[in-house]
Amino acid sequence: MLYFCVLLFIASQKEIGAAEIVLISYVIFFTLVIIITFVVFFTVFQRRKNQMLITQFEQKEEFEAELIKTQQEIQDQTLKHVGRELHDNVGQLLSLATMQMNALSKVATDDIQSKVSNASEAIKESLTEVRSLSKSLNSDVIFNLGFYATLENEIQRLNKSQLIEVSLSTKGDLVKFENNKDETILFRILQEFFSNTLKYADAESLMVHLNYQQEQLIITAKDDGKGFDMDTAAKGSGIINMKKRAELINATYNLESSIGRGTTLTLIYPYKLES
């Protein structure tokens, strides 16, 4: 349409021959062809470029997910080995020491009897602590006990340390996860949060709440510590690890903190989805 309008405009301005009209027609036609070709080429190029960027992004996400899975497996194997060593070797040594202290208490004189009893009690408490710690490190134990029992064991261990007061509350009926690996990953996320609280928060208490809903588990962990600036701490390895682990199991992850107001971790885990 534009092509014919141009021709009519030229014809109305001056008298030109048929040959000139044909020449102008060719020029206009080829100009339009070039413009249309350029537009089509540019559109196709942009689409391919966008698709390439999307593919690169997806490949990067897959690589990071595989990297986190590998790190998780390596960490689990390391913690499992340490847990077994604690239970088998250190635990056996402490058990032997307990038996020796019991034998010593039978022949000890009255003036050292109290000291022997105190030492024996300290060894027993150390043995209990070692066994409790070995459970939280060994993923096989987590598989056998389940998420809730392992979390309960960890909280009891923290309370016994008297470094912080931890409470655990639940709502709804406990749900057995279909994927045992998800239980381990969720527990490791909470372990990381507990560790950060003990190291940096100067908190006196820590609250953990489990809300077992029909299709998902909502986990809330909150401390009363000094908090931190989210903008400056967002790139910390601990926070990144917690977030990446949550992504592995399709869990929604949210961490909130501010100076003087403590820190709150919220995890929403859908039961049915596989990692």
Protein backbone atom coordinates (compact mmCIF):
# COMPACT_ATOMS: atom_id res chain seq x y z
CA MET A 1 0.00 0.00 0.00
CA LEU A 2 2.81 2.36 0.97
CA TYR A 3 4.60 1.43 -2.22
CA PHE A 4 1.68 2.52 -4.47
CA CYS A 5 1.12 5.71 -2.51
CA VAL A 6 4.73 6.73 -3.12
CA LEU A 7 4.34 6.10 -6.84
CA LEU A 8 1.16 8.17 -7.03
CA PHE A 9 2.82 10.98 -5.11
CA ILE A 10 5.80 11.05 -7.50
CA ALA A 11 3.54 10.92 -10.55
CA SER A 12 1.46 13.82 -9.27
CA GLN A 13 4.52 16.03 -8.67
CA LYS A 14 5.98 15.86 -12.16
CA GLU A 15 5.69 14.11 -15.43
CA ILE A 16 7.94 11.13 -15.68
CA GLY A 17 8.32 8.37 -18.22
CA ALA A 18 7.32 4.77 -17.81
CA ALA A 19 10.97 3.70 -17.59
CA GLU A 20 11.61 6.07 -14.72
CA ILE A 21 8.52 4.77 -12.90
CA VAL A 22 9.76 1.20 -13.30
CA LEU A 23 13.22 2.20 -12.02
CA ILE A 24 11.76 3.98 -9.00
CA SER A 25 9.51 0.96 -8.38
CA TYR A 26 12.50 -1.36 -8.32
CA VAL A 27 14.42 0.95 -5.96
CA ILE A 28 11.50 1.18 -3.56
CA PHE A 29 10.82 -2.55 -3.79
CA PHE A 30 14.39 -3.54 -3.03
CA THR A 31 14.58 -0.99 -0.23
CA LEU A 32 11.50 -2.54 1.36
CA VAL A 33 12.94 -6.04 0.87
CA ILE A 34 16.16 -4.99 2.61
CA ILE A 35 14.27 -3.41 5.51
CA ILE A 36 11.99 -6.42 5.94
CA THR A 37 14.98 -8.79 5.73
CA PHE A 38 16.84 -6.77 8.37
CA VAL A 39 13.81 -6.75 10.69
CA VAL A 40 13.31 -10.50 10.28
CA PHE A 41 17.02 -11.20 10.79
CA PHE A 42 17.17 -8.97 13.88
CA THR A 43 14.05 -10.63 15.36
CA VAL A 44 15.43 -14.13 14.78
CA PHE A 45 18.81 -13.09 16.19
CA GLN A 46 17.21 -11.67 19.33
CA ARG A 47 15.14 -14.81 19.84
CA ARG A 48 18.18 -17.04 19.48
CA LYS A 49 20.20 -14.80 21.77
CA ASN A 50 17.46 -14.89 24.41
CA GLN A 51 17.16 -18.67 24.09
CA MET A 52 20.93 -19.01 24.43
CA LEU A 53 20.89 -16.87 27.58
CA ILE A 54 18.05 -18.94 29.02
CA THR A 55 19.93 -22.15 28.22
CA GLN A 56 23.11 -20.80 29.83
CA PHE A 57 21.14 -19.79 32.92
CA GLU A 58 19.51 -23.22 33.16
CA GLN A 59 22.88 -24.93 32.75
CA LYS A 60 24.34 -22.71 35.47
CA GLU A 61 21.46 -23.56 37.80
CA GLU A 62 21.88 -27.28 37.08
CA PHE A 63 25.63 -27.04 37.69
CA GLU A 64 25.14 -25.22 41.00
CA ALA A 65 22.51 -27.77 42.05
CA GLU A 66 24.85 -30.66 41.23
CA LEU A 67 27.68 -28.88 43.06
CA ILE A 68 25.54 -28.45 46.18
CA LYS A 69 24.46 -32.11 45.98
CA THR A 70 28.09 -33.18 45.73
CA GLN A 71 29.08 -30.97 48.65
CA GLN A 72 26.15 -32.35 50.63
CA GLU A 73 27.20 -35.94 49.92
CA ILE A 74 30.83 -35.21 50.83
CA GLN A 75 29.79 -33.49 54.04
CA ASP A 76 27.43 -36.31 54.95
CA GLN A 77 30.16 -38.89 54.39
CA THR A 78 32.61 -36.87 56.48
CA LEU A 79 30.13 -36.32 59.29
CA LYS A 80 29.12 -39.98 59.16
CA HIS A 81 32.76 -41.02 59.53
CA VAL A 82 33.30 -38.62 62.44
CA GLY A 83 30.09 -39.81 64.08
CA ARG A 84 31.15 -43.45 63.82
CA GLU A 85 34.60 -42.63 65.20
CA LEU A 86 33.02 -40.82 68.14
CA HIS A 87 30.63 -43.68 68.84
CA ASP A 88 33.01 -46.58 68.28
CA ASN A 89 36.41 -45.32 69.39
CA VAL A 90 35.88 -42.38 71.73
CA GLY A 91 32.72 -43.96 73.11
CA GLN A 92 34.53 -47.20 73.87
CA LEU A 93 37.38 -45.37 75.59
CA LEU A 94 34.95 -43.45 77.77
CA SER A 95 33.06 -46.65 78.56
CA LEU A 96 36.32 -48.27 79.59
CA ALA A 97 37.20 -45.25 81.72
CA THR A 98 33.78 -45.44 83.38
CA MET A 99 34.30 -49.09 84.29
CA GLN A 100 37.76 -48.33 85.67
CA MET A 101 36.43 -45.46 87.76
CA ASN A 102 33.68 -47.72 89.13
CA ALA A 103 36.29 -50.30 90.09
CA LEU A 104 38.44 -47.59 91.66
CA SER A 105 35.53 -46.25 93.71
CA LYS A 106 35.17 -49.64 95.42
CA VAL A 107 38.70 -49.52 96.81
CA ALA A 108 39.12 -45.77 97.18
CA THR A 109 39.58 -44.36 100.65
CA ASP A 110 37.00 -42.04 102.14
CA ASP A 111 39.12 -38.93 101.61
CA ILE A 112 39.18 -39.36 97.82
CA GLN A 113 35.84 -41.09 97.39
CA SER A 114 34.03 -37.85 96.50
CA LYS A 115 36.66 -36.94 93.92
CA VAL A 116 36.42 -40.37 92.32
CA SER A 117 32.63 -40.11 92.23
CA ASN A 118 32.79 -36.65 90.61
CA ALA A 119 35.26 -37.87 88.01
CA SER A 120 33.12 -40.93 87.28
CA GLU A 121 30.03 -38.75 86.86
CA ALA A 122 31.90 -36.40 84.52
CA ILE A 123 32.98 -39.33 82.37
CA LYS A 124 29.41 -40.65 82.21
CA GLU A 125 28.13 -37.24 81.12
CA SER A 126 30.89 -37.04 78.50
CA LEU A 127 29.90 -40.48 77.19
CA THR A 128 26.27 -39.40 76.95
CA GLU A 129 27.30 -36.23 75.11
CA VAL A 130 29.52 -38.15 72.68
CA ARG A 131 26.72 -40.60 71.87
CA SER A 132 24.24 -37.77 71.40
CA LEU A 133 26.65 -35.86 69.15
CA SER A 134 27.41 -38.98 67.08
CA LYS A 135 23.68 -39.37 66.38
CA SER A 136 23.40 -35.84 65.00
CA LEU A 137 26.44 -36.33 62.75
CA ASN A 138 25.60 -39.72 61.26
CA SER A 139 23.07 -39.52 58.42
CA ASP A 140 22.28 -43.24 58.80
CA VAL A 141 21.04 -42.50 62.31
CA ILE A 142 18.91 -39.67 60.94
CA PHE A 143 17.38 -42.10 58.42
CA ASN A 144 16.57 -44.57 61.20
CA LEU A 145 15.33 -42.11 63.82
CA GLY A 146 13.57 -39.71 61.48
CA PHE A 147 13.67 -35.93 61.30
CA TYR A 148 11.72 -35.17 64.48
CA ALA A 149 13.59 -37.58 66.77
CA THR A 150 16.96 -36.39 65.46
CA LEU A 151 15.99 -32.75 65.92
CA GLU A 152 14.76 -33.51 69.42
CA ASN A 153 18.08 -35.21 70.22
CA GLU A 154 20.03 -32.19 68.95
CA ILE A 155 17.95 -29.78 71.03
CA GLN A 156 18.45 -31.90 74.15
CA ARG A 157 22.19 -31.85 73.47
CA LEU A 158 22.21 -28.06 73.15
CA ASN A 159 20.24 -27.66 76.37
CA LYS A 160 22.66 -29.94 78.23
CA SER A 161 25.55 -27.77 77.07
CA GLN A 162 23.91 -24.85 78.94
CA LEU A 163 25.16 -22.50 76.24
CA ILE A 164 21.62 -21.62 75.22
CA GLU A 165 18.04 -22.53 76.16
CA VAL A 166 16.23 -24.20 73.28
CA SER A 167 12.52 -25.06 73.12
CA LEU A 168 10.71 -27.28 70.62
CA SER A 169 6.98 -27.12 69.94
CA THR A 170 4.80 -28.83 67.35
CA LYS A 171 1.37 -28.44 65.79
CA GLY A 172 -0.48 -31.16 63.92
CA ASP A 173 0.35 -34.84 63.49
CA LEU A 174 3.93 -35.85 62.72
CA VAL A 175 4.48 -36.89 59.10
CA LYS A 176 7.04 -39.44 57.93
CA PHE A 177 8.82 -38.03 54.88
CA GLU A 178 8.77 -40.06 51.66
CA ASN A 179 12.38 -39.09 50.90
CA ASN A 180 14.83 -39.78 53.74
CA LYS A 181 17.46 -37.56 52.15
CA ASP A 182 15.12 -34.61 52.53
CA GLU A 183 15.02 -35.24 56.28
CA THR A 184 18.81 -35.06 56.42
CA ILE A 185 18.97 -31.86 54.38
CA LEU A 186 16.31 -30.15 56.50
CA PHE A 187 18.13 -31.18 59.66
CA ARG A 188 21.46 -29.90 58.29
CA ILE A 189 19.86 -26.53 57.51
CA LEU A 190 18.66 -26.24 61.09
CA GLN A 191 22.06 -27.38 62.36
CA GLU A 192 23.67 -24.56 60.38
CA PHE A 193 21.21 -22.08 61.88
CA PHE A 194 21.86 -23.38 65.41
CA SER A 195 25.62 -23.15 64.83
CA ASN A 196 25.39 -19.57 63.58
CA THR A 197 23.24 -18.64 66.56
CA LEU A 198 25.79 -20.04 69.01
CA LYS A 199 28.73 -18.43 67.21
CA TYR A 200 27.45 -14.96 66.44
CA ALA A 201 24.06 -14.14 67.95
CA ASP A 202 24.88 -13.86 71.68
CA ALA A 203 21.39 -15.29 72.19
CA GLU A 204 20.00 -16.59 75.45
CA SER A 205 17.15 -18.60 73.97
CA LEU A 206 16.16 -20.28 70.74
CA MET A 207 12.65 -21.36 69.75
CA VAL A 208 11.87 -24.04 67.16
CA HIS A 209 8.29 -24.65 66.00
CA LEU A 210 7.11 -27.39 63.62
CA ASN A 211 3.71 -26.93 61.99
CA TYR A 212 2.67 -30.19 60.29
CA GLN A 213 0.00 -29.24 57.76
CA GLN A 214 -1.78 -31.48 55.28
CA GLU A 215 0.59 -30.92 52.36
CA GLN A 216 3.58 -29.18 53.87
CA LEU A 217 5.71 -28.73 56.96
CA ILE A 218 6.39 -25.18 58.14
CA ILE A 219 9.50 -24.86 60.28
CA THR A 220 10.21 -21.70 62.25
CA ALA A 221 13.43 -21.18 64.20
CA LYS A 222 13.89 -17.89 66.06
CA ASP A 223 16.57 -16.63 68.41
CA ASP A 224 16.61 -13.57 70.69
CA GLY A 225 20.14 -12.58 69.75
CA LYS A 226 21.64 -9.32 68.56
CA GLY A 227 20.66 -9.89 64.93
CA PHE A 228 22.57 -8.61 61.92
CA ASP A 229 22.29 -6.49 58.79
CA MET A 230 20.85 -8.67 56.03
CA ASP A 231 22.51 -6.61 53.28
CA THR A 232 26.03 -7.12 54.60
CA ALA A 233 25.60 -10.76 55.64
CA ALA A 234 23.63 -12.06 52.63
CA LYS A 235 26.77 -13.37 50.92
CA GLY A 236 28.04 -15.36 53.89
CA SER A 237 28.79 -19.02 53.18
CA GLY A 238 26.49 -20.25 55.94
CA ILE A 239 23.49 -18.34 54.60
CA ILE A 240 24.24 -19.39 51.02
CA ASN A 241 24.55 -23.04 52.06
CA MET A 242 21.20 -22.98 53.88
CA LYS A 243 19.47 -21.39 50.88
CA LYS A 244 21.00 -23.77 48.33
CA ARG A 245 20.13 -26.81 50.42
CA ALA A 246 16.54 -25.62 50.66
CA GLU A 247 16.41 -25.35 46.87
CA LEU A 248 17.55 -28.97 46.54
CA ILE A 249 14.38 -30.21 48.25
CA ASN A 250 12.01 -27.62 46.74
CA ALA A 251 11.59 -25.95 50.12
CA THR A 252 10.75 -22.27 50.46
CA TYR A 253 13.51 -20.51 52.39
CA ASN A 254 13.23 -17.19 54.20
CA LEU A 255 15.70 -15.63 56.65
CA GLU A 256 14.89 -12.38 58.44
CA SER A 257 17.08 -10.41 60.82
CA SER A 258 17.78 -6.87 61.93
CA ILE A 259 20.12 -5.29 64.44
CA GLY A 260 18.86 -5.82 67.99
CA ARG A 261 15.82 -7.91 66.99
CA GLY A 262 17.17 -11.43 66.60
CA THR A 263 16.99 -13.75 63.62
CA THR A 264 14.15 -15.87 62.26
CA LEU A 265 14.44 -18.75 59.81
CA THR A 266 11.32 -20.05 58.04
CA LEU A 267 11.29 -23.19 55.92
CA ILE A 268 8.25 -24.50 54.05
CA TYR A 269 8.77 -28.07 52.91
CA PRO A 270 6.19 -29.78 50.63
CA TYR A 271 5.96 -33.46 51.61
CA LYS A 272 5.24 -35.01 48.22
CA LEU A 273 7.87 -33.39 46.06
CA GLU A 274 11.08 -35.29 45.42
CA SER A 275 14.45 -33.60 45.33
